[in-house]
Amino acid sequence: MGSTVPQHVSTMPRQLQRLWAGAILGASPGKTMRPDTLRLAKLPAQTVFSALTALLLSASMLAAHGQTQALPDAAPAPLYVAFGQQDGIRRLADDFVRRLSTDARTAPFFKESNLKRVREKIAEQLCQVVGGGCVYTGDSMKEVHKGQGIQKSDFNAVVEILQDTMDQQGIAFQDQNKLLAKLAPMYRDMVESPKPQGPKPAAR
């Protein structure tokens, strides 16, 4: 009376189970067979040895094939590449913050800021926006700029400084525009509505 399929075979991947069935029992490798229903025939030891050798060779070829068919890493986002990837973004953030903290129009907003942290968070944010796979971990734009009294003219100054910084870094004009378009929605979180002025006193 035959024995059931060995435990080590029943736990093999389905591809190897089929190869085993074909080598031992003469079944077609392309035919689906339940390993727990197979029975070993009383075969000569040399036949079993040859079949196991073929199985091991097949397993090696399958493993090698799997390695050569591995999917390549996804190509980085074009805009991320245009900005020089991590090194380029870090240089851009460093120069941008240096300019913001020294330009007379924007320096007052950074007087009490931790510039090292500002550089780190701007680099994270830029990397995320251009598709570099980073995750911005800072506070929301609304929270960061709350109560600072930033007006439209201040925002425009920041944009101008960013454009000058990108020019200095050699970033192409069309790529600059792509970044600015992605950053534009931040306007409503950074700029505060002007306080309404009271009624003018009546003329006497």
Protein backbone atom coordinates (compact mmCIF):
# COMPACT_ATOMS: atom_id res chain seq x y z
CA MET A 1 0.00 0.00 0.00
CA GLY A 2 1.38 3.42 -1.01
CA SER A 3 2.11 6.24 1.40
CA THR A 4 0.88 9.79 1.32
CA VAL A 5 2.94 12.69 0.07
CA PRO A 6 5.77 13.56 2.49
CA GLN A 7 5.19 16.58 4.72
CA HIS A 8 8.11 18.50 3.22
CA VAL A 9 6.52 18.20 -0.22
CA SER A 10 3.02 19.23 0.86
CA THR A 11 4.43 22.48 2.23
CA MET A 12 6.29 23.35 -0.97
CA PRO A 13 5.08 26.16 -3.26
CA ARG A 14 2.49 24.96 -5.77
CA GLN A 15 4.99 25.18 -8.67
CA LEU A 16 7.36 22.78 -6.91
CA GLN A 17 4.53 20.44 -5.91
CA ARG A 18 3.63 20.04 -9.58
CA LEU A 19 7.24 19.38 -10.50
CA TRP A 20 7.44 16.79 -7.75
CA ALA A 21 4.29 15.10 -8.97
CA GLY A 22 5.62 15.01 -12.51
CA ALA A 23 9.00 13.63 -11.50
CA ILE A 24 7.72 10.92 -9.12
CA LEU A 25 4.40 9.89 -10.60
CA GLY A 26 4.76 10.89 -14.22
CA ALA A 27 1.98 13.49 -13.94
CA SER A 28 1.94 16.48 -16.24
CA PRO A 29 3.66 19.48 -14.60
CA GLY A 30 0.90 21.74 -15.91
CA LYS A 31 -1.87 19.69 -14.33
CA THR A 32 -3.28 20.75 -10.96
CA MET A 33 -3.07 17.94 -8.42
CA ARG A 34 -3.85 17.87 -4.72
CA PRO A 35 -0.69 16.71 -2.92
CA ASP A 36 -2.67 15.11 -0.11
CA THR A 37 -4.44 12.77 -2.57
CA LEU A 38 -1.27 11.55 -4.27
CA ARG A 39 0.21 8.18 -3.43
CA LEU A 40 3.84 7.14 -3.82
CA ALA A 41 4.41 4.23 -6.10
CA LYS A 42 6.90 1.55 -5.16
CA LEU A 43 9.75 2.79 -7.36
CA PRO A 44 13.40 1.75 -7.42
CA ALA A 45 15.71 3.86 -5.25
CA GLN A 46 17.65 5.05 -8.33
CA THR A 47 14.43 6.41 -9.88
CA VAL A 48 13.52 8.28 -6.70
CA PHE A 49 17.06 9.66 -6.44
CA SER A 50 16.96 10.89 -10.06
CA ALA A 51 13.58 12.50 -9.51
CA LEU A 52 14.72 14.31 -6.38
CA THR A 53 17.84 15.54 -8.20
CA ALA A 54 15.65 16.91 -10.99
CA LEU A 55 13.43 18.57 -8.42
CA LEU A 56 16.36 20.31 -6.74
CA LEU A 57 17.68 21.54 -10.08
CA SER A 58 14.24 22.84 -11.00
CA ALA A 59 13.95 24.63 -7.68
CA SER A 60 17.32 26.30 -8.25
CA MET A 61 16.25 27.45 -11.71
CA LEU A 62 12.97 28.82 -10.37
CA ALA A 63 14.80 30.74 -7.67
CA ALA A 64 17.28 32.16 -10.17
CA HIS A 65 14.43 33.11 -12.52
CA GLY A 66 12.63 34.86 -9.67
CA GLN A 67 15.72 36.90 -8.90
CA THR A 68 16.24 38.01 -12.49
CA GLN A 69 12.58 38.95 -12.83
CA ALA A 70 12.57 41.23 -9.78
CA LEU A 71 10.97 44.58 -10.54
CA PRO A 72 13.40 47.49 -10.67
CA ASP A 73 13.04 50.37 -8.23
CA ALA A 74 10.62 53.02 -9.42
CA ALA A 75 12.28 55.97 -11.12
CA PRO A 76 12.29 59.16 -9.04
CA ALA A 77 9.72 61.83 -9.86
CA PRO A 78 10.92 64.17 -12.67
CA LEU A 79 10.38 67.33 -10.60
CA TYR A 80 12.33 65.81 -7.72
CA VAL A 81 15.21 65.13 -10.12
CA ALA A 82 14.97 68.66 -11.55
CA PHE A 83 15.50 70.05 -8.05
CA GLY A 84 18.62 67.94 -7.50
CA GLN A 85 16.97 65.34 -5.26
CA GLN A 86 17.98 65.34 -1.58
CA ASP A 87 21.23 67.28 -1.95
CA GLY A 88 19.72 69.91 -4.22
CA ILE A 89 16.67 70.40 -2.01
CA ARG A 90 18.86 70.74 1.08
CA ARG A 91 20.97 73.41 -0.62
CA LEU A 92 17.85 75.22 -1.77
CA ALA A 93 16.31 75.19 1.71
CA ASP A 94 19.54 76.40 3.35
CA ASP A 95 19.94 79.32 0.95
CA PHE A 96 16.22 80.17 1.04
CA VAL A 97 16.14 80.42 4.84
CA ARG A 98 19.37 82.44 4.87
CA ARG A 99 17.79 84.95 2.48
CA LEU A 100 14.49 85.05 4.39
CA SER A 101 16.26 85.75 7.66
CA THR A 102 18.38 88.57 6.23
CA ASP A 103 16.02 90.31 3.79
CA ALA A 104 14.60 93.45 5.38
CA ARG A 105 11.08 92.57 4.18
CA THR A 106 10.94 89.15 5.84
CA ALA A 107 13.63 89.12 8.55
CA PRO A 108 11.29 90.39 11.30
CA PHE A 109 9.16 87.23 10.97
CA PHE A 110 12.22 85.04 11.70
CA LYS A 111 13.74 87.05 14.54
CA GLU A 112 12.64 84.57 17.22
CA SER A 113 12.73 81.44 15.05
CA ASN A 114 14.97 78.40 15.37
CA LEU A 115 16.52 78.70 11.91
CA LYS A 116 17.96 75.18 11.98
CA ARG A 117 14.49 73.71 12.49
CA VAL A 118 13.03 76.05 9.87
CA ARG A 119 15.59 74.80 7.33
CA GLU A 120 14.85 71.16 8.18
CA LYS A 121 11.08 71.56 7.88
CA ILE A 122 11.25 73.57 4.66
CA ALA A 123 13.51 70.89 3.17
CA GLU A 124 11.01 68.20 4.19
CA GLN A 125 8.12 70.14 2.76
CA LEU A 126 9.85 70.90 -0.55
CA CYS A 127 10.92 67.27 -0.88
CA GLN A 128 7.34 66.12 -0.33
CA VAL A 129 5.84 68.66 -2.73
CA VAL A 130 8.17 67.75 -5.63
CA GLY A 131 7.53 64.02 -5.18
CA GLY A 132 10.69 62.99 -3.39
CA GLY A 133 8.90 60.57 -1.08
CA CYS A 134 9.52 62.63 2.05
CA VAL A 135 6.89 63.28 4.70
CA TYR A 136 6.52 66.76 6.17
CA THR A 137 6.47 66.42 9.96
CA GLY A 138 6.03 70.04 10.97
CA ASP A 139 2.92 71.92 12.03
CA SER A 140 0.30 72.96 9.50
CA MET A 141 0.89 76.17 7.56
CA LYS A 142 -2.12 77.73 9.25
CA GLU A 143 -0.78 76.94 12.72
CA VAL A 144 2.78 78.04 11.94
CA HIS A 145 1.76 81.46 10.62
CA LYS A 146 -1.18 82.13 12.92
CA GLY A 147 -1.10 85.54 14.57
CA GLN A 148 1.94 86.81 12.66
CA GLY A 149 -0.08 89.35 10.72
CA ILE A 150 1.30 88.27 7.35
CA GLN A 151 -0.16 90.31 4.51
CA LYS A 152 -0.23 89.85 0.75
CA SER A 153 2.86 92.02 0.29
CA ASP A 154 4.77 89.80 2.76
CA PHE A 155 3.71 86.66 0.92
CA ASN A 156 4.78 88.17 -2.41
CA ALA A 157 8.18 89.00 -0.90
CA VAL A 158 8.61 85.35 0.17
CA VAL A 159 7.75 84.17 -3.35
CA GLU A 160 10.21 86.63 -4.87
CA ILE A 161 12.97 85.47 -2.53
CA LEU A 162 12.21 81.84 -3.37
CA GLN A 163 12.42 82.62 -7.09
CA ASP A 164 15.79 84.36 -6.61
CA THR A 165 17.02 81.36 -4.64
CA MET A 166 15.92 78.93 -7.34
CA ASP A 167 17.62 81.07 -9.98
CA GLN A 168 20.82 80.96 -7.95
CA GLN A 169 20.53 77.15 -7.74
CA GLY A 170 20.18 76.90 -11.53
CA ILE A 171 16.66 75.45 -11.49
CA ALA A 172 14.90 75.76 -14.84
CA PHE A 173 12.14 78.36 -15.15
CA GLN A 174 9.45 75.81 -16.04
CA ASP A 175 10.34 73.70 -13.01
CA GLN A 176 10.21 76.78 -10.80
CA ASN A 177 6.68 77.45 -12.03
CA LYS A 178 5.64 73.87 -11.30
CA LEU A 179 6.80 74.22 -7.70
CA LEU A 180 5.16 77.62 -7.25
CA ALA A 181 1.88 76.22 -8.57
CA LYS A 182 2.02 73.47 -5.94
CA LEU A 183 2.79 75.97 -3.18
CA ALA A 184 0.14 78.51 -4.23
CA PRO A 185 -2.66 76.98 -2.06
CA MET A 186 -0.60 77.86 1.03
CA TYR A 187 -1.50 81.51 0.47
CA ARG A 188 -4.84 81.22 2.24
CA ASP A 189 -3.18 79.57 5.28
CA MET A 190 -0.38 82.12 5.58
CA VAL A 191 -1.98 85.47 4.78
CA GLU A 192 -4.35 87.03 7.28
CA SER A 193 -7.26 89.12 6.13
CA PRO A 194 -6.70 92.82 6.77
CA LYS A 195 -8.45 94.05 9.87
CA PRO A 196 -11.53 96.09 8.97
CA GLN A 197 -11.09 99.75 9.63
CA GLY A 198 -13.63 101.62 11.69
CA PRO A 199 -15.90 104.25 10.15
CA LYS A 200 -14.25 107.53 9.38
CA PRO A 201 -15.25 110.36 11.67
CA ALA A 202 -17.87 112.65 10.23
CA ALA A 203 -16.57 115.85 8.75
CA ARG A 204 -17.37 118.95 10.76
